[in-house]
Amino acid sequence: MAREYIGVDLHKQFFQACAVSGTGDRLWEGRFSRTAGGVGLLMARCGIETAVAVEATGPTWAFVDQLQPTGATICVIDPRKTKLKAGFAAKTDRLDARRLADALRRESVVSIYVPPPAVRELREICRGRHQVIRVRTRVSQMIRALLLRSGVSDVPVRRVFSARGLAWLEQVTLPPATGASLQRLRRMLTAIQAEALDAEQRVTTAAAGDPIAVALDGLVGIGPVLALTIRAEVGDVRRFRRGAELASYAGLVPRVDASAARYRTGRITKEGSPWLRWAVVEAAMHGMRRPDAIGRWALKTLCGLRYLRGRRRASP
């Protein structure tokens, strides 16, 4: 059976698909609804000799899970690193699907890691907790800003969402409209704090049940939250041949501009998983507490930065 390459331009409500042969001849193309019926029509055209390319977007993982039973080779591509529009003036769903199929046939796509469902669940636990914490921080900042505008002293505790902080906010006297706004924000913060505690507990429970997270938790400076985040974002560490590839995946490697005898490095790329980058940076901030060679290196590096840049800029 001849090899068939299918490019899929995926959207929320529909997807455009195009199939080409190994020689680049267009076999068929069409637009399908992103329902069970529409995906079923595509599945009927897929088999072991089929290769499917789809860009990484919001509904990609669910779409890939639906196609897995067909036995087709599914390639999720990185749209930032796979250039599909070069040399073309127009951009439509139909053209995107054609270009995806042809790029897959020519093996000129950059694929990304497809995490299994179990790893995706761990990611949702960690990312969900992170999102709740960000909302809690935002509401706390709104409360501090309101107090500042009203000429009232700041909350006498570091954490506005603590029991003391919430109790203090309840006793603040303000004009009617301003007081109503403050109490509304206080009620929101109380509810968000309850959700944050629940999310924290979920992370702790999941980390305790994962052997990789337990091993990471044993390192100095890494707790259950960082351990589970690193474990979930990395997934299968065997897909990285060396540490530099993992650092690049986290976006922690410097930009490089090299030509002939010129070699320049710039700021870190910040390309890749922002959650992994956050977790690694948080862990590195506590690296000086490690009693091994890595801890001594971190302390020596920090002392050098303080000397070169000044204590305030280099402080962790």
Protein backbone atom coordinates (compact mmCIF):
# COMPACT_ATOMS: atom_id res chain seq x y z
CA MET A 1 0.00 0.00 0.00
CA ALA A 2 1.38 3.43 -0.97
CA ARG A 3 2.28 5.89 1.75
CA GLU A 4 -0.24 8.69 2.27
CA TYR A 5 0.51 12.02 3.95
CA ILE A 6 -2.32 14.05 5.46
CA GLY A 7 -2.03 17.67 6.59
CA VAL A 8 -4.66 18.93 9.04
CA ASP A 9 -5.35 22.60 9.74
CA LEU A 10 -7.17 22.35 13.06
CA HIS A 11 -9.66 24.89 14.44
CA LYS A 12 -12.21 24.99 17.26
CA GLN A 13 -15.27 24.00 15.22
CA PHE A 14 -13.79 22.35 12.13
CA PHE A 15 -10.59 21.17 10.47
CA GLN A 16 -9.33 21.24 6.91
CA ALA A 17 -7.50 18.13 5.69
CA CYS A 18 -5.48 17.39 2.57
CA ALA A 19 -3.80 14.13 1.54
CA VAL A 20 -0.89 13.74 -0.87
CA SER A 21 0.98 10.73 -2.17
CA GLY A 22 4.67 10.00 -1.81
CA THR A 23 5.28 11.78 -5.12
CA GLY A 24 3.39 14.91 -4.04
CA ASP A 25 0.20 14.27 -6.02
CA ARG A 26 -2.91 15.52 -4.29
CA LEU A 27 -5.22 12.60 -3.49
CA TRP A 28 -8.12 14.28 -1.72
CA GLU A 29 -8.98 17.25 0.48
CA GLY A 30 -11.98 18.43 2.43
CA ARG A 31 -13.38 20.32 5.36
CA PHE A 32 -14.79 18.39 8.32
CA SER A 33 -16.61 19.42 11.49
CA ARG A 34 -14.68 18.78 14.69
CA THR A 35 -17.35 16.46 16.02
CA ALA A 36 -17.33 12.72 16.53
CA GLY A 37 -18.86 12.32 13.09
CA GLY A 38 -16.38 14.59 11.36
CA VAL A 39 -13.37 13.02 13.05
CA GLY A 40 -14.82 9.59 12.22
CA LEU A 41 -14.77 10.45 8.51
CA LEU A 42 -11.08 11.26 8.76
CA MET A 43 -10.38 8.13 10.80
CA ALA A 44 -11.94 6.03 8.04
CA ARG A 45 -9.28 7.36 5.66
CA CYS A 46 -6.36 6.65 8.03
CA GLY A 47 -4.41 3.45 8.45
CA ILE A 48 -1.00 2.03 9.27
CA GLU A 49 0.48 3.49 6.06
CA THR A 50 -0.87 6.97 6.82
CA ALA A 51 1.10 9.84 8.31
CA VAL A 52 -0.79 12.82 9.74
CA ALA A 53 0.64 16.27 10.50
CA VAL A 54 -1.25 18.73 12.71
CA GLU A 55 -0.10 21.97 14.28
CA ALA A 56 0.06 22.28 18.07
CA THR A 57 -3.00 24.33 19.08
CA GLY A 58 -5.61 24.24 21.85
CA PRO A 59 -7.59 21.11 20.82
CA THR A 60 -4.59 19.18 19.44
CA TRP A 61 -4.18 16.61 22.25
CA ALA A 62 -7.84 15.57 22.18
CA PHE A 63 -7.68 15.35 18.38
CA VAL A 64 -4.56 13.18 18.53
CA ASP A 65 -6.19 10.87 21.10
CA GLN A 66 -9.11 10.33 18.73
CA LEU A 67 -6.81 9.37 15.83
CA GLN A 68 -4.53 7.04 17.82
CA PRO A 69 -6.69 3.88 17.34
CA THR A 70 -6.25 4.08 13.55
CA GLY A 71 -2.57 3.16 13.81
CA ALA A 72 -1.53 6.17 11.75
CA THR A 73 1.75 7.96 12.44
CA ILE A 74 0.75 11.27 13.98
CA CYS A 75 3.19 14.18 13.95
CA VAL A 76 2.37 17.24 16.05
CA ILE A 77 4.49 20.05 14.66
CA ASP A 78 5.86 23.22 16.20
CA PRO A 79 4.36 26.13 14.17
CA ARG A 80 7.14 28.49 15.29
CA LYS A 81 9.92 26.30 13.94
CA THR A 82 8.14 24.88 10.89
CA LYS A 83 7.87 27.57 8.24
CA LEU A 84 4.98 26.82 5.90
CA LYS A 85 4.25 30.16 4.22
CA ALA A 86 7.64 30.88 2.67
CA GLY A 87 7.28 31.78 -1.00
CA PHE A 88 3.50 32.09 -0.88
CA ALA A 89 1.48 35.31 -0.91
CA ALA A 90 -1.82 33.79 0.26
CA LYS A 91 -2.72 32.02 3.48
CA THR A 92 -5.96 30.05 3.75
CA ASP A 93 -7.08 26.94 5.62
CA ARG A 94 -6.93 24.91 2.41
CA LEU A 95 -3.41 26.11 1.58
CA ASP A 96 -2.24 25.49 5.15
CA ALA A 97 -3.44 21.88 5.00
CA ARG A 98 -1.74 21.37 1.64
CA ARG A 99 1.52 22.83 2.89
CA LEU A 100 1.41 20.69 6.02
CA ALA A 101 0.92 17.54 3.99
CA ASP A 102 3.72 18.42 1.58
CA ALA A 103 6.10 19.42 4.38
CA LEU A 104 5.41 16.11 6.12
CA ARG A 105 6.11 14.24 2.87
CA ARG A 106 9.44 16.04 2.48
CA GLU A 107 10.28 15.48 6.17
CA SER A 108 10.75 19.22 6.68
CA VAL A 109 8.59 19.58 9.79
CA VAL A 110 9.77 20.03 13.37
CA SER A 111 7.75 17.74 15.60
CA ILE A 112 7.13 18.15 19.32
CA TYR A 113 6.70 15.73 22.19
CA VAL A 114 3.22 14.29 22.61
CA PRO A 115 2.77 13.67 26.34
CA PRO A 116 0.71 10.63 27.34
CA PRO A 117 -2.61 11.26 29.12
CA ALA A 118 -1.12 10.53 32.56
CA VAL A 119 1.54 13.21 32.12
CA ARG A 120 -1.07 15.64 30.82
CA GLU A 121 -3.07 15.11 34.00
CA LEU A 122 -0.03 15.94 36.12
CA ARG A 123 0.51 19.07 34.05
CA GLU A 124 -3.07 20.18 34.60
CA ILE A 125 -2.69 19.71 38.36
CA CYS A 126 0.47 21.85 38.45
CA ARG A 127 -0.68 24.47 35.97
CA GLY A 128 -4.09 24.72 37.64
CA ARG A 129 -2.42 25.43 40.96
CA HIS A 130 -0.17 28.02 39.32
CA GLN A 131 -3.15 29.80 37.77
CA VAL A 132 -5.00 30.00 41.08
CA ILE A 133 -1.91 31.45 42.78
CA ARG A 134 -1.62 34.08 40.05
CA VAL A 135 -5.27 35.09 40.50
CA ARG A 136 -4.76 35.28 44.27
CA THR A 137 -1.75 37.53 43.78
CA ARG A 138 -3.68 39.77 41.40
CA VAL A 139 -6.60 40.22 43.81
CA SER A 140 -4.19 40.94 46.66
CA GLN A 141 -2.57 43.66 44.57
CA MET A 142 -5.98 45.15 43.78
CA ILE A 143 -6.76 45.36 47.50
CA ARG A 144 -3.46 47.07 48.29
CA ALA A 145 -4.04 49.54 45.45
CA LEU A 146 -7.54 50.35 46.73
CA LEU A 147 -6.21 51.01 50.24
CA LEU A 148 -3.49 53.23 48.81
CA ARG A 149 -6.00 55.29 46.82
CA SER A 150 -8.13 55.69 49.95
CA GLY A 151 -5.26 56.92 52.09
CA VAL A 152 -5.45 53.93 54.41
CA SER A 153 -2.34 52.22 55.74
CA ASP A 154 -1.34 48.99 54.07
CA VAL A 155 -2.33 45.57 55.39
CA PRO A 156 -0.13 44.96 58.48
CA VAL A 157 0.85 41.47 57.32
CA ARG A 158 2.90 40.29 54.35
CA ARG A 159 0.19 37.99 52.99
CA VAL A 160 -3.13 39.70 52.46
CA PHE A 161 -4.86 36.32 52.08
CA SER A 162 -3.78 35.08 55.52
CA ALA A 163 -6.30 34.78 58.34
CA ARG A 164 -4.91 37.91 60.02
CA GLY A 165 -4.98 39.83 56.77
CA LEU A 166 -8.58 38.92 55.96
CA ALA A 167 -9.69 39.72 59.51
CA TRP A 168 -7.99 43.13 59.34
CA LEU A 169 -9.70 43.94 56.04
CA GLU A 170 -13.09 43.23 57.59
CA GLN A 171 -12.51 45.93 60.22
CA VAL A 172 -11.38 48.69 57.84
CA THR A 173 -13.70 51.72 57.73
CA LEU A 174 -14.08 53.41 54.33
CA PRO A 175 -16.70 55.50 52.49
CA PRO A 176 -19.74 53.46 51.40
CA ALA A 177 -18.84 52.81 47.77
CA THR A 178 -15.15 52.23 48.49
CA GLY A 179 -15.99 50.00 51.45
CA ALA A 180 -18.33 47.92 49.30
CA SER A 181 -15.55 47.44 46.73
CA LEU A 182 -13.11 46.40 49.44
CA GLN A 183 -15.47 43.87 50.95
CA ARG A 184 -16.23 42.46 47.50
CA LEU A 185 -12.53 41.95 46.89
CA ARG A 186 -12.14 40.45 50.36
CA ARG A 187 -14.87 37.89 49.67
CA MET A 188 -13.23 37.05 46.34
CA LEU A 189 -9.86 36.61 48.04
CA THR A 190 -11.40 34.36 50.70
CA ALA A 191 -12.88 32.09 48.04
CA ILE A 192 -9.67 32.08 46.00
CA GLN A 193 -7.63 31.23 49.09
CA ALA A 194 -9.83 28.19 49.69
CA GLU A 195 -9.28 27.08 46.09
CA ALA A 196 -5.52 27.68 46.44
CA LEU A 197 -5.33 25.45 49.51
CA ASP A 198 -7.26 22.73 47.66
CA ALA A 199 -4.95 23.03 44.63
CA GLU A 200 -1.90 22.86 46.90
CA GLN A 201 -3.22 19.69 48.50
CA ARG A 202 -3.82 18.10 45.12
CA VAL A 203 -0.23 18.82 44.08
CA THR A 204 1.14 17.42 47.35
CA THR A 205 -0.92 14.23 47.02
CA ALA A 206 0.04 13.69 43.39
CA ALA A 207 3.74 14.33 44.14
CA ALA A 208 3.71 11.80 46.97
CA GLY A 209 2.32 9.15 44.60
CA ASP A 210 4.84 9.68 41.80
CA PRO A 211 8.27 8.04 42.28
CA ILE A 212 10.07 10.56 40.03
CA ALA A 213 8.59 13.50 41.93
CA VAL A 214 9.53 11.84 45.23
CA ALA A 215 13.15 11.53 44.05
CA LEU A 216 13.21 15.19 42.98
CA ASP A 217 11.65 16.23 46.28
CA GLY A 218 14.72 14.80 48.02
CA LEU A 219 16.96 17.49 46.48
CA VAL A 220 17.73 20.62 48.47
CA GLY A 221 15.58 23.54 47.37
CA ILE A 222 12.89 21.42 45.67
CA GLY A 223 9.57 20.75 47.34
CA PRO A 224 6.44 18.90 46.17
CA VAL A 225 5.26 21.75 43.91
CA LEU A 226 8.56 22.17 42.06
CA ALA A 227 9.18 18.42 41.97
CA LEU A 228 5.84 17.60 40.36
CA THR A 229 6.07 20.57 37.98
CA ILE A 230 9.51 19.51 36.73
CA ARG A 231 8.41 15.88 36.44
CA ALA A 232 5.24 16.78 34.51
CA GLU A 233 6.81 19.31 32.15
CA VAL A 234 9.81 17.12 31.29
CA GLY A 235 7.76 13.96 30.79
CA ASP A 236 10.06 11.23 29.51
CA VAL A 237 13.56 12.53 30.21
CA ARG A 238 15.04 9.90 27.87
CA ARG A 239 13.98 12.01 24.90
CA PHE A 240 16.82 14.40 25.75
CA ARG A 241 20.26 13.11 24.77
CA ARG A 242 22.13 15.55 27.02
CA GLY A 243 21.54 18.25 29.56
CA ALA A 244 21.94 21.06 27.04
CA GLU A 245 18.85 19.84 25.17
CA LEU A 246 16.80 19.90 28.35
CA ALA A 247 18.05 23.42 29.12
CA SER A 248 17.05 24.47 25.59
CA TYR A 249 13.59 22.94 26.10
CA ALA A 250 13.22 25.12 29.20
CA GLY A 251 14.39 28.21 27.27
CA LEU A 252 17.37 28.72 29.58
CA VAL A 253 20.12 28.66 26.95
CA PRO A 254 21.54 31.95 25.57
CA ARG A 255 20.86 33.20 22.09
CA VAL A 256 23.86 32.66 19.83
CA ASP A 257 24.98 34.83 16.90
CA ALA A 258 28.00 33.19 15.27
CA SER A 259 29.55 33.83 11.89
CA ALA A 260 33.14 33.12 10.86
CA ALA A 261 35.34 34.30 13.73
CA ARG A 262 32.53 36.22 15.46
CA TYR A 263 30.72 34.45 18.29
CA ARG A 264 28.27 36.35 20.45
CA THR A 265 25.79 35.22 23.06
CA GLY A 266 22.77 37.15 24.26
CA ARG A 267 19.93 36.72 26.70
CA ILE A 268 18.23 33.38 27.25
CA THR A 269 15.80 32.35 24.53
CA LYS A 270 12.75 31.86 26.81
CA GLU A 271 11.43 29.44 24.20
CA GLY A 272 9.88 26.24 25.45
CA SER A 273 7.93 25.42 28.57
CA PRO A 274 7.47 28.55 30.74
CA TRP A 275 6.31 26.37 33.66
CA LEU A 276 9.50 24.28 33.56
CA ARG A 277 11.60 27.44 33.31
CA TRP A 278 9.83 28.90 36.35
CA ALA A 279 10.34 25.72 38.38
CA VAL A 280 14.03 25.41 37.50
CA VAL A 281 14.73 29.07 38.30
CA GLU A 282 12.92 28.74 41.63
CA ALA A 283 15.00 25.68 42.46
CA ALA A 284 18.21 27.44 41.41
CA MET A 285 17.51 30.29 43.82
CA HIS A 286 17.95 27.79 46.66
CA GLY A 287 20.97 26.13 45.07
CA MET A 288 23.40 27.78 47.47
CA ARG A 289 21.97 25.70 50.31
CA ARG A 290 23.15 22.49 48.70
CA PRO A 291 26.16 20.95 50.51
CA ASP A 292 27.68 19.45 47.36
CA ALA A 293 29.84 20.85 44.55
CA ILE A 294 26.82 22.38 42.82
CA GLY A 295 25.99 24.39 45.95
CA ARG A 296 29.55 25.64 46.26
CA TRP A 297 29.58 26.59 42.57
CA ALA A 298 26.28 28.49 42.96
CA LEU A 299 27.57 30.41 45.96
CA LYS A 300 30.82 31.27 44.20
CA THR A 301 28.94 32.41 41.07
CA LEU A 302 26.59 34.61 43.08
CA CYS A 303 29.50 36.23 44.90
CA GLY A 304 31.12 36.98 41.54
CA LEU A 305 27.91 38.54 40.19
CA ARG A 306 27.56 40.68 43.28
CA TYR A 307 31.08 41.97 42.77
CA LEU A 308 30.56 42.70 39.05
CA ARG A 309 27.00 44.05 39.08
CA GLY A 310 26.42 45.19 42.61
CA ARG A 311 24.76 43.44 45.51
CA ARG A 312 21.21 44.64 44.82
CA ARG A 313 21.08 43.40 41.22
CA ALA A 314 22.68 40.03 41.94
CA SER A 315 20.75 39.16 45.09
CA PRO A 316 18.53 36.07 44.73
